[in-house]
Amino acid sequence: MDWPHCLINPEALSRLFNSIEGLGSLNVFEVSLKRDGPVVALRADLPRFPEHPSRRWPPEANRVQVWIEFIGVEALSLTGFDKDNSGNLEVAPMQAGYSFMLRGPAIVLSGQCECIRIAGVSAYIDEETVNNGMERTR
């Protein structure tokens, strides 16, 4: 199942994108553990720029980044972490909550949680993309 369909707040993405399908490929910048909840939070780039960006974002922005929070985490496992932490996020419903796994060449993060939410969405200017003459990733 595409992970955005498992969110308790899918509108955080559906108001920005025509379709929330195909957002499984993430480039993870940060993994954060919080004991209250307990919560695992990922800060990651999404694979494409939204069709309806926020007016608060810089007009030149070409990358969109999200904070995904896994709340009520159990059985957490993290293997690897590198400069490039690209991977595919898969979420599966369970009897009580969800199982999740982010798997890529340099990282495997898996666990179980009660619920999943978007804690924040922002956009930024990826200078490397601009310097290579590339357009927004759509």
N, C-alpha and C. Protein backbone atom coordinates (compact mmCIF):
# COMPACT_ATOMS: atom_id res chain seq x y z
N MET A 1 0.85 -1.18 0.00
CA MET A 1 0.00 0.00 0.00
C MET A 1 0.89 1.24 0.00
N ASP A 2 0.56 2.22 -0.84
CA ASP A 2 1.31 3.47 -0.83
C ASP A 2 1.15 4.14 0.53
N TRP A 3 2.28 4.53 1.13
CA TRP A 3 2.26 5.04 2.50
C TRP A 3 1.37 6.27 2.69
N PRO A 4 1.23 7.19 1.70
CA PRO A 4 0.36 8.35 1.96
C PRO A 4 -1.09 7.97 2.28
N HIS A 5 -1.55 6.81 1.81
CA HIS A 5 -2.92 6.38 2.09
C HIS A 5 -3.09 5.92 3.53
N CYS A 6 -2.00 5.71 4.24
CA CYS A 6 -2.04 5.26 5.63
C CYS A 6 -1.93 6.41 6.62
N LEU A 7 -1.76 7.61 6.15
CA LEU A 7 -1.59 8.78 7.02
C LEU A 7 -2.88 9.12 7.75
N ILE A 8 -2.74 9.63 8.98
CA ILE A 8 -3.92 10.15 9.68
C ILE A 8 -4.28 11.54 9.16
N ASN A 9 -3.35 12.16 8.41
CA ASN A 9 -3.61 13.47 7.82
C ASN A 9 -3.18 13.50 6.33
N PRO A 10 -3.81 12.70 5.48
CA PRO A 10 -3.41 12.67 4.07
C PRO A 10 -3.59 14.00 3.36
N GLU A 11 -4.42 14.87 3.90
CA GLU A 11 -4.63 16.18 3.28
C GLU A 11 -3.36 17.03 3.28
N ALA A 12 -2.42 16.71 4.17
CA ALA A 12 -1.14 17.43 4.17
C ALA A 12 -0.43 17.28 2.83
N LEU A 13 -0.67 16.17 2.13
CA LEU A 13 -0.08 15.95 0.80
C LEU A 13 -1.10 16.14 -0.32
N SER A 14 -2.34 15.72 -0.10
CA SER A 14 -3.33 15.77 -1.19
C SER A 14 -3.68 17.20 -1.58
N ARG A 15 -3.48 18.17 -0.71
CA ARG A 15 -3.73 19.58 -1.08
C ARG A 15 -2.61 20.12 -1.96
N LEU A 16 -1.46 19.43 -1.99
CA LEU A 16 -0.32 19.88 -2.78
C LEU A 16 -0.18 19.14 -4.11
N PHE A 17 -0.57 17.87 -4.11
CA PHE A 17 -0.37 17.01 -5.28
C PHE A 17 -1.71 16.65 -5.91
N ASN A 18 -1.73 16.55 -7.24
CA ASN A 18 -2.92 16.05 -7.93
C ASN A 18 -3.19 14.60 -7.53
N SER A 19 -2.12 13.84 -7.33
CA SER A 19 -2.22 12.44 -6.92
C SER A 19 -1.13 12.15 -5.89
N ILE A 20 -1.50 11.45 -4.82
CA ILE A 20 -0.50 11.08 -3.82
C ILE A 20 0.07 9.69 -4.09
N GLU A 21 -0.20 9.15 -5.26
CA GLU A 21 0.40 7.89 -5.69
C GLU A 21 1.85 8.14 -6.07
N GLY A 22 2.67 7.13 -5.95
CA GLY A 22 4.05 7.21 -6.44
C GLY A 22 4.98 8.08 -5.62
N LEU A 23 4.71 8.24 -4.33
CA LEU A 23 5.59 9.02 -3.46
C LEU A 23 6.45 8.14 -2.56
N GLY A 24 6.57 6.86 -2.91
CA GLY A 24 7.28 5.90 -2.07
C GLY A 24 8.77 6.05 -2.03
N SER A 25 9.36 6.61 -3.07
CA SER A 25 10.81 6.76 -3.13
C SER A 25 11.23 8.02 -2.38
N LEU A 26 12.00 7.84 -1.31
CA LEU A 26 12.41 8.96 -0.46
C LEU A 26 13.92 9.08 -0.42
N ASN A 27 14.40 10.29 -0.20
CA ASN A 27 15.81 10.54 0.07
C ASN A 27 15.88 11.07 1.50
N VAL A 28 16.28 10.22 2.44
CA VAL A 28 16.23 10.55 3.86
C VAL A 28 17.45 11.35 4.28
N PHE A 29 17.21 12.49 4.92
CA PHE A 29 18.26 13.35 5.43
C PHE A 29 18.48 13.14 6.93
N GLU A 30 17.41 12.76 7.63
CA GLU A 30 17.50 12.69 9.09
C GLU A 30 16.52 11.66 9.63
N VAL A 31 16.97 10.92 10.62
CA VAL A 31 16.11 10.01 11.40
C VAL A 31 16.20 10.48 12.84
N SER A 32 15.06 10.73 13.45
CA SER A 32 15.01 11.24 14.81
C SER A 32 14.18 10.31 15.68
N LEU A 33 14.66 10.04 16.89
CA LEU A 33 13.94 9.20 17.85
C LEU A 33 13.49 10.07 19.02
N LYS A 34 12.20 9.97 19.35
CA LYS A 34 11.66 10.73 20.47
C LYS A 34 10.99 9.76 21.44
N ARG A 35 11.31 9.86 22.69
CA ARG A 35 10.77 8.90 23.66
C ARG A 35 9.29 9.10 23.94
N ASP A 36 8.80 10.33 23.78
CA ASP A 36 7.37 10.57 24.00
C ASP A 36 6.60 10.03 22.81
N GLY A 37 5.85 9.01 23.04
CA GLY A 37 5.08 8.38 21.98
C GLY A 37 5.22 6.87 21.97
N PRO A 38 6.37 6.30 21.86
CA PRO A 38 7.59 6.84 21.22
C PRO A 38 7.38 7.10 19.73
N VAL A 39 8.20 8.01 19.20
CA VAL A 39 8.05 8.46 17.83
C VAL A 39 9.37 8.32 17.09
N VAL A 40 9.29 7.86 15.85
CA VAL A 40 10.41 7.90 14.91
C VAL A 40 10.01 8.89 13.83
N ALA A 41 10.85 9.89 13.58
CA ALA A 41 10.56 10.90 12.56
C ALA A 41 11.61 10.84 11.46
N LEU A 42 11.15 10.90 10.23
CA LEU A 42 12.04 10.96 9.07
C LEU A 42 11.90 12.33 8.42
N ARG A 43 13.03 12.95 8.10
CA ARG A 43 13.02 14.16 7.27
C ARG A 43 13.57 13.72 5.92
N ALA A 44 12.73 13.85 4.89
CA ALA A 44 13.11 13.30 3.60
C ALA A 44 12.56 14.11 2.44
N ASP A 45 13.29 14.08 1.34
CA ASP A 45 12.79 14.65 0.09
C ASP A 45 11.82 13.68 -0.55
N LEU A 46 10.75 14.22 -1.11
CA LEU A 46 9.84 13.42 -1.91
C LEU A 46 10.39 13.33 -3.34
N PRO A 47 9.93 12.35 -4.12
CA PRO A 47 10.51 12.15 -5.45
C PRO A 47 10.12 13.19 -6.50
N ARG A 48 9.09 13.97 -6.23
CA ARG A 48 8.69 14.99 -7.21
C ARG A 48 8.15 16.21 -6.50
N PHE A 49 8.17 17.33 -7.22
CA PHE A 49 7.68 18.59 -6.69
C PHE A 49 6.16 18.64 -6.90
N PRO A 50 5.42 19.20 -5.94
CA PRO A 50 3.96 19.21 -6.07
C PRO A 50 3.44 20.15 -7.16
N GLU A 51 2.28 19.80 -7.69
CA GLU A 51 1.64 20.62 -8.71
C GLU A 51 1.03 21.90 -8.13
N HIS A 52 0.73 21.90 -6.83
CA HIS A 52 0.11 23.05 -6.17
C HIS A 52 0.95 23.46 -4.96
N PRO A 53 2.15 24.02 -5.18
CA PRO A 53 3.01 24.39 -4.05
C PRO A 53 2.39 25.48 -3.19
N SER A 54 2.79 25.49 -1.94
CA SER A 54 2.33 26.52 -1.01
C SER A 54 2.82 27.89 -1.47
N ARG A 55 1.99 28.88 -1.28
CA ARG A 55 2.38 30.26 -1.63
C ARG A 55 3.45 30.80 -0.69
N ARG A 56 3.61 30.15 0.46
CA ARG A 56 4.62 30.56 1.44
C ARG A 56 6.03 30.11 1.06
N TRP A 57 6.14 29.19 0.13
CA TRP A 57 7.44 28.67 -0.28
C TRP A 57 8.12 29.63 -1.24
N PRO A 58 9.45 29.59 -1.28
CA PRO A 58 10.16 30.43 -2.26
C PRO A 58 9.72 30.06 -3.67
N PRO A 59 9.48 31.06 -4.53
CA PRO A 59 9.02 30.77 -5.89
C PRO A 59 10.01 29.93 -6.70
N GLU A 60 11.29 30.00 -6.34
CA GLU A 60 12.31 29.24 -7.07
C GLU A 60 12.50 27.83 -6.52
N ALA A 61 11.76 27.47 -5.49
CA ALA A 61 11.92 26.15 -4.86
C ALA A 61 11.73 25.04 -5.89
N ASN A 62 12.58 24.01 -5.77
CA ASN A 62 12.51 22.90 -6.72
C ASN A 62 12.53 21.54 -6.04
N ARG A 63 12.56 21.51 -4.73
CA ARG A 63 12.52 20.26 -3.95
C ARG A 63 11.51 20.43 -2.82
N VAL A 64 10.83 19.34 -2.51
CA VAL A 64 9.88 19.36 -1.39
C VAL A 64 10.33 18.31 -0.38
N GLN A 65 10.25 18.70 0.89
CA GLN A 65 10.72 17.86 1.97
C GLN A 65 9.61 17.69 3.00
N VAL A 66 9.51 16.49 3.56
CA VAL A 66 8.48 16.20 4.56
C VAL A 66 9.10 15.65 5.83
N TRP A 67 8.38 15.85 6.93
CA TRP A 67 8.64 15.17 8.19
C TRP A 67 7.55 14.13 8.32
N ILE A 68 7.93 12.86 8.30
CA ILE A 68 6.99 11.76 8.48
C ILE A 68 7.21 11.22 9.89
N GLU A 69 6.14 11.18 10.70
CA GLU A 69 6.24 10.66 12.05
C GLU A 69 5.51 9.33 12.17
N PHE A 70 6.22 8.35 12.70
CA PHE A 70 5.65 7.05 13.05
C PHE A 70 5.43 7.09 14.56
N ILE A 71 4.18 7.01 14.98
CA ILE A 71 3.81 7.25 16.38
C ILE A 71 3.45 5.92 17.05
N GLY A 72 3.88 5.75 18.30
CA GLY A 72 3.63 4.52 19.03
C GLY A 72 4.47 3.39 18.49
N VAL A 73 5.75 3.67 18.30
CA VAL A 73 6.66 2.72 17.64
C VAL A 73 7.04 1.57 18.55
N GLU A 74 7.09 0.39 17.94
CA GLU A 74 7.57 -0.84 18.60
C GLU A 74 8.49 -1.56 17.63
N ALA A 75 9.32 -2.42 18.14
CA ALA A 75 10.16 -3.31 17.33
C ALA A 75 10.94 -2.56 16.25
N LEU A 76 11.60 -1.49 16.64
CA LEU A 76 12.34 -0.66 15.69
C LEU A 76 13.70 -1.26 15.36
N SER A 77 14.06 -1.19 14.09
CA SER A 77 15.37 -1.66 13.65
C SER A 77 15.92 -0.69 12.61
N LEU A 78 17.19 -0.31 12.77
CA LEU A 78 17.87 0.56 11.81
C LEU A 78 19.21 -0.06 11.48
N THR A 79 19.43 -0.29 10.20
CA THR A 79 20.71 -0.82 9.74
C THR A 79 21.25 0.12 8.67
N GLY A 80 22.45 0.63 8.89
CA GLY A 80 23.10 1.50 7.92
C GLY A 80 22.59 2.93 7.97
N PHE A 81 23.42 3.84 7.51
CA PHE A 81 23.08 5.25 7.32
C PHE A 81 24.30 5.86 6.66
N ASP A 82 24.09 6.57 5.57
CA ASP A 82 25.21 7.08 4.78
C ASP A 82 24.88 8.47 4.28
N LYS A 83 25.71 9.01 3.41
CA LYS A 83 25.45 10.32 2.82
C LYS A 83 24.26 10.28 1.88
N ASP A 84 24.04 9.15 1.21
CA ASP A 84 22.88 8.97 0.34
C ASP A 84 22.01 7.88 0.94
N ASN A 85 20.87 8.28 1.49
CA ASN A 85 19.96 7.35 2.14
C ASN A 85 18.65 7.25 1.37
N SER A 86 18.77 7.06 0.08
CA SER A 86 17.58 6.90 -0.76
C SER A 86 17.02 5.50 -0.57
N GLY A 87 15.71 5.42 -0.57
CA GLY A 87 15.07 4.12 -0.43
C GLY A 87 13.58 4.22 -0.69
N ASN A 88 12.94 3.09 -0.67
CA ASN A 88 11.51 3.02 -0.90
C ASN A 88 10.80 2.72 0.42
N LEU A 89 9.81 3.53 0.75
CA LEU A 89 9.04 3.35 1.98
C LEU A 89 7.80 2.53 1.68
N GLU A 90 7.65 1.43 2.40
CA GLU A 90 6.47 0.57 2.27
C GLU A 90 5.79 0.48 3.63
N VAL A 91 4.47 0.57 3.61
CA VAL A 91 3.67 0.49 4.83
C VAL A 91 2.57 -0.54 4.60
N ALA A 92 2.34 -1.38 5.61
CA ALA A 92 1.28 -2.39 5.52
C ALA A 92 0.41 -2.33 6.77
N PRO A 93 -0.90 -2.33 6.59
CA PRO A 93 -1.80 -2.35 7.74
C PRO A 93 -1.67 -3.67 8.51
N MET A 94 -1.78 -3.56 9.82
CA MET A 94 -1.78 -4.74 10.69
C MET A 94 -3.08 -4.72 11.48
N GLN A 95 -3.27 -5.71 12.32
CA GLN A 95 -4.50 -5.75 13.12
C GLN A 95 -4.63 -4.49 13.98
N ALA A 96 -3.52 -4.07 14.55
CA ALA A 96 -3.51 -2.83 15.35
C ALA A 96 -2.33 -1.99 14.87
N GLY A 97 -2.58 -1.08 13.96
CA GLY A 97 -1.53 -0.19 13.48
C GLY A 97 -0.95 -0.61 12.15
N TYR A 98 0.36 -0.36 11.98
CA TYR A 98 1.03 -0.55 10.70
C TYR A 98 2.43 -1.10 10.91
N SER A 99 2.90 -1.84 9.93
CA SER A 99 4.33 -2.15 9.85
C SER A 99 4.90 -1.24 8.77
N PHE A 100 6.15 -0.83 8.93
CA PHE A 100 6.78 0.04 7.95
C PHE A 100 8.20 -0.43 7.69
N MET A 101 8.65 -0.18 6.46
CA MET A 101 10.03 -0.49 6.10
C MET A 101 10.50 0.48 5.03
N LEU A 102 11.61 1.12 5.32
CA LEU A 102 12.32 1.94 4.34
C LEU A 102 13.55 1.14 3.97
N ARG A 103 13.65 0.78 2.69
CA ARG A 103 14.76 -0.06 2.26
C ARG A 103 15.46 0.61 1.07
N GLY A 104 16.78 0.74 1.22
CA GLY A 104 17.61 1.27 0.15
C GLY A 104 18.99 0.66 0.22
N PRO A 105 19.87 1.02 -0.71
CA PRO A 105 21.22 0.45 -0.74
C PRO A 105 22.02 0.71 0.55
N ALA A 106 21.79 1.86 1.20
CA ALA A 106 22.59 2.23 2.37
C ALA A 106 21.81 2.20 3.68
N ILE A 107 20.50 1.97 3.62
CA ILE A 107 19.68 2.07 4.84
C ILE A 107 18.53 1.07 4.79
N VAL A 108 18.27 0.49 5.96
CA VAL A 108 17.04 -0.29 6.16
C VAL A 108 16.50 0.14 7.53
N LEU A 109 15.30 0.70 7.52
CA LEU A 109 14.62 1.13 8.74
C LEU A 109 13.28 0.42 8.77
N SER A 110 13.00 -0.32 9.84
CA SER A 110 11.73 -1.03 9.90
C SER A 110 11.19 -1.01 11.31
N GLY A 111 9.89 -1.23 11.41
CA GLY A 111 9.25 -1.27 12.71
C GLY A 111 7.76 -1.38 12.59
N GLN A 112 7.11 -1.22 13.72
CA GLN A 112 5.65 -1.21 13.80
C GLN A 112 5.23 0.03 14.55
N CYS A 113 4.06 0.56 14.19
CA CYS A 113 3.58 1.77 14.85
C CYS A 113 2.07 1.78 14.91
N GLU A 114 1.54 2.66 15.75
CA GLU A 114 0.09 2.82 15.88
C GLU A 114 -0.48 3.65 14.74
N CYS A 115 0.23 4.73 14.37
CA CYS A 115 -0.25 5.60 13.31
C CYS A 115 0.91 6.37 12.69
N ILE A 116 0.61 7.00 11.54
CA ILE A 116 1.62 7.73 10.77
C ILE A 116 1.03 9.08 10.39
N ARG A 117 1.84 10.11 10.53
CA ARG A 117 1.36 11.44 10.14
C ARG A 117 2.46 12.26 9.51
N ILE A 118 2.05 13.26 8.75
CA ILE A 118 2.97 14.27 8.23
C ILE A 118 3.04 15.37 9.28
N ALA A 119 4.22 15.61 9.81
CA ALA A 119 4.40 16.64 10.83
C ALA A 119 4.77 17.98 10.22
N GLY A 120 5.22 17.98 8.96
CA GLY A 120 5.57 19.22 8.30
C GLY A 120 5.94 18.98 6.85
N VAL A 121 5.73 20.01 6.05
CA VAL A 121 6.10 19.99 4.63
C VAL A 121 6.75 21.34 4.32
N SER A 122 7.88 21.29 3.65
CA SER A 122 8.56 22.53 3.26
C SER A 122 9.20 22.34 1.90
N ALA A 123 9.64 23.43 1.34
CA ALA A 123 10.31 23.38 0.04
C ALA A 123 11.58 24.19 0.12
N TYR A 124 12.53 23.83 -0.73
CA TYR A 124 13.80 24.54 -0.76
C TYR A 124 14.36 24.54 -2.16
N ILE A 125 15.41 25.33 -2.34
CA ILE A 125 16.09 25.42 -3.62
C ILE A 125 17.29 24.49 -3.58
N ASP A 126 17.27 23.48 -4.41
CA ASP A 126 18.39 22.55 -4.53
C ASP A 126 19.35 23.14 -5.56
N GLU A 127 20.42 23.73 -5.08
CA GLU A 127 21.37 24.44 -5.95
C GLU A 127 21.98 23.52 -7.00
N GLU A 128 22.21 22.26 -6.65
CA GLU A 128 22.78 21.32 -7.61
C GLU A 128 21.86 21.15 -8.82
N THR A 129 20.57 21.06 -8.55
CA THR A 129 19.60 20.95 -9.64
C THR A 129 19.59 22.21 -10.48
N VAL A 130 19.64 23.37 -9.84
CA VAL A 130 19.65 24.64 -10.56
C VAL A 130 20.92 24.75 -11.41
N ASN A 131 22.07 24.41 -10.83
CA ASN A 131 23.34 24.51 -11.55
C ASN A 131 23.44 23.54 -12.73
N ASN A 132 22.69 22.44 -12.67
CA ASN A 132 22.68 21.49 -13.78
C ASN A 132 21.64 21.84 -14.83
N GLY A 133 20.96 22.97 -14.64
CA GLY A 133 19.97 23.42 -15.61
C GLY A 133 18.70 22.59 -15.61
N MET A 134 18.43 21.89 -14.53
CA MET A 134 17.25 21.05 -14.46
C MET A 134 16.08 21.86 -13.91
N GLU A 135 14.89 21.50 -14.36
CA GLU A 135 13.65 22.12 -13.88
C GLU A 135 13.24 21.48 -12.57
N ARG A 136 12.14 21.96 -12.04
CA ARG A 136 11.55 21.35 -10.85
C ARG A 136 11.29 19.88 -11.13
N THR A 137 11.48 19.05 -10.12
CA THR A 137 11.18 17.63 -10.28
C THR A 137 9.68 17.44 -10.15
N ARG A 138 9.04 17.21 -11.26
CA ARG A 138 7.58 17.04 -11.30
C ARG A 138 7.25 15.65 -11.71
